Amino acid sequence: MDSKIQDKEILDIIERMKLAKIGEYKKWQILIKKILEKKPWNQGEVEYYTRITRIYNKTGTLVRSKNYHTKLSNEDIKPKCKECEKISEFYCNMNDQYYCLKHVVGHDENEF
């Protein structure tokens, strides 16, 4: 894959994560700067990116990690849980929904 095309796709995904307030703003800024300056990512940055994002390709969406639930940070907007009215504490990247501590596990038969 052409590096410029791949960089643009990664930047698009990061911008969507920032707009949705998923993850840590400072880490996204660091990754954007490294992409624009053509600097390599360290292992921690690669793991952070793959843990809480989806990778899109022509055949569909692939989850790159078994870590389906991301704990929301203090800076994240915390909408109501999909199952109840409590404030959510986790984002599930399998179904793009937010869940409280009580409902985060067991809401999808594919997560086991």
Protein backbone atom coordinates (compact mmCIF):
# COMPACT_ATOMS: atom_id res chain seq x y z
CA MET A 1 0.00 0.00 0.00
CA ASP A 2 1.20 3.49 -0.82
CA SER A 3 2.56 5.17 2.32
CA LYS A 4 0.79 8.47 1.56
CA ILE A 5 -2.58 6.72 1.20
CA GLN A 6 -2.03 4.73 4.40
CA ASP A 7 -1.02 7.88 6.30
CA LYS A 8 -4.16 9.68 5.11
CA GLU A 9 -6.38 6.77 6.21
CA ILE A 10 -4.73 6.66 9.65
CA LEU A 11 -5.09 10.44 10.04
CA ASP A 12 -8.79 10.18 9.10
CA ILE A 13 -9.36 7.48 11.73
CA ILE A 14 -7.48 9.46 14.40
CA GLU A 15 -9.48 12.61 13.59
CA ARG A 16 -12.74 10.66 13.99
CA MET A 17 -11.54 9.30 17.34
CA LYS A 18 -10.63 12.83 18.48
CA LEU A 19 -14.00 14.23 17.40
CA ALA A 20 -15.81 11.42 19.21
CA LYS A 21 -13.58 12.11 22.24
CA ILE A 22 -12.41 8.50 22.34
CA GLY A 23 -9.00 8.00 23.87
CA GLU A 24 -6.55 10.56 25.11
CA TYR A 25 -6.29 13.84 23.19
CA LYS A 26 -2.56 14.26 23.93
CA LYS A 27 -1.72 10.81 22.54
CA TRP A 28 -3.67 11.50 19.35
CA GLN A 29 -1.79 14.78 18.91
CA ILE A 30 1.57 13.00 19.30
CA LEU A 31 0.62 10.38 16.70
CA ILE A 32 -0.62 13.02 14.24
CA LYS A 33 2.64 14.94 14.60
CA LYS A 34 4.71 11.79 14.02
CA ILE A 35 2.72 10.91 10.89
CA LEU A 36 3.11 14.40 9.43
CA GLU A 37 6.86 14.44 10.22
CA LYS A 38 7.30 10.86 8.90
CA LYS A 39 8.70 9.67 12.25
CA PRO A 40 8.30 6.04 13.36
CA TRP A 41 5.95 5.11 16.22
CA ASN A 42 7.26 3.34 19.30
CA GLN A 43 5.70 0.03 20.39
CA GLY A 44 3.47 1.69 23.01
CA GLU A 45 1.99 4.05 20.42
CA VAL A 46 1.29 1.20 18.01
CA GLU A 47 -0.41 -0.80 20.77
CA TYR A 48 -2.48 2.24 21.83
CA TYR A 49 -3.67 2.86 18.27
CA THR A 50 -4.51 -0.77 17.48
CA ARG A 51 -6.17 -1.33 20.86
CA ILE A 52 -8.86 1.31 20.49
CA THR A 53 -9.35 1.69 16.75
CA ARG A 54 -10.68 -0.40 13.94
CA ILE A 55 -8.61 -1.02 10.84
CA TYR A 56 -10.60 -0.78 7.61
CA ASN A 57 -9.74 -2.60 4.40
CA LYS A 58 -11.52 -3.60 1.21
CA THR A 59 -12.88 -6.83 2.69
CA GLY A 60 -14.48 -5.25 5.74
CA THR A 61 -13.62 -4.32 9.29
CA LEU A 62 -11.02 -6.27 11.19
CA VAL A 63 -10.55 -5.99 14.93
CA ARG A 64 -6.81 -5.90 15.53
CA SER A 65 -6.97 -6.77 19.20
CA LYS A 66 -8.85 -8.91 21.69
CA ASN A 67 -9.28 -5.81 23.86
CA TYR A 68 -12.80 -4.85 22.81
CA HIS A 69 -13.58 -2.47 25.68
CA THR A 70 -11.77 0.77 26.35
CA LYS A 71 -12.14 2.49 29.70
CA LEU A 72 -13.07 6.11 29.10
CA SER A 73 -10.63 8.72 30.39
CA ASN A 74 -11.57 11.72 32.52
CA GLU A 75 -11.53 13.91 29.38
CA ASP A 76 -13.90 11.65 27.41
CA ILE A 77 -17.57 12.53 27.09
CA LYS A 78 -19.51 9.83 28.89
CA PRO A 79 -22.95 9.30 27.35
CA LYS A 80 -25.59 7.12 28.97
CA CYS A 81 -25.13 3.35 28.93
CA LYS A 82 -26.86 1.64 25.99
CA GLU A 83 -28.62 -0.74 28.39
CA CYS A 84 -29.57 1.59 31.24
CA GLU A 85 -29.60 5.26 32.24
CA LYS A 86 -26.28 5.23 34.13
CA ILE A 87 -23.25 7.19 32.91
CA SER A 88 -21.05 4.98 30.72
CA GLU A 89 -17.53 4.04 31.74
CA PHE A 90 -16.49 1.96 28.72
CA TYR A 91 -16.56 2.13 24.93
CA CYS A 92 -17.03 -1.15 23.03
CA ASN A 93 -15.33 -1.16 19.63
CA MET A 94 -17.24 -4.27 18.51
CA ASN A 95 -20.57 -2.48 18.23
CA ASP A 96 -19.57 1.18 18.63
CA GLN A 97 -21.59 1.65 21.84
CA TYR A 98 -21.00 2.88 25.38
CA TYR A 99 -21.65 0.80 28.53
CA CYS A 100 -21.58 1.14 32.30
CA LEU A 101 -19.54 -1.21 34.49
CA LYS A 102 -22.53 -3.52 34.99
CA HIS A 103 -23.30 -3.99 31.28
CA VAL A 104 -19.86 -3.82 29.66
CA VAL A 105 -19.31 -7.60 29.69
CA GLY A 106 -21.81 -9.99 28.17
CA HIS A 107 -23.67 -7.62 25.87
CA ASP A 108 -22.45 -9.37 22.69
CA GLU A 109 -22.23 -13.11 22.00
CA ASN A 110 -19.12 -12.56 19.82
CA GLU A 111 -16.96 -11.19 22.63
CA PHE A 112 -16.39 -14.55 24.32
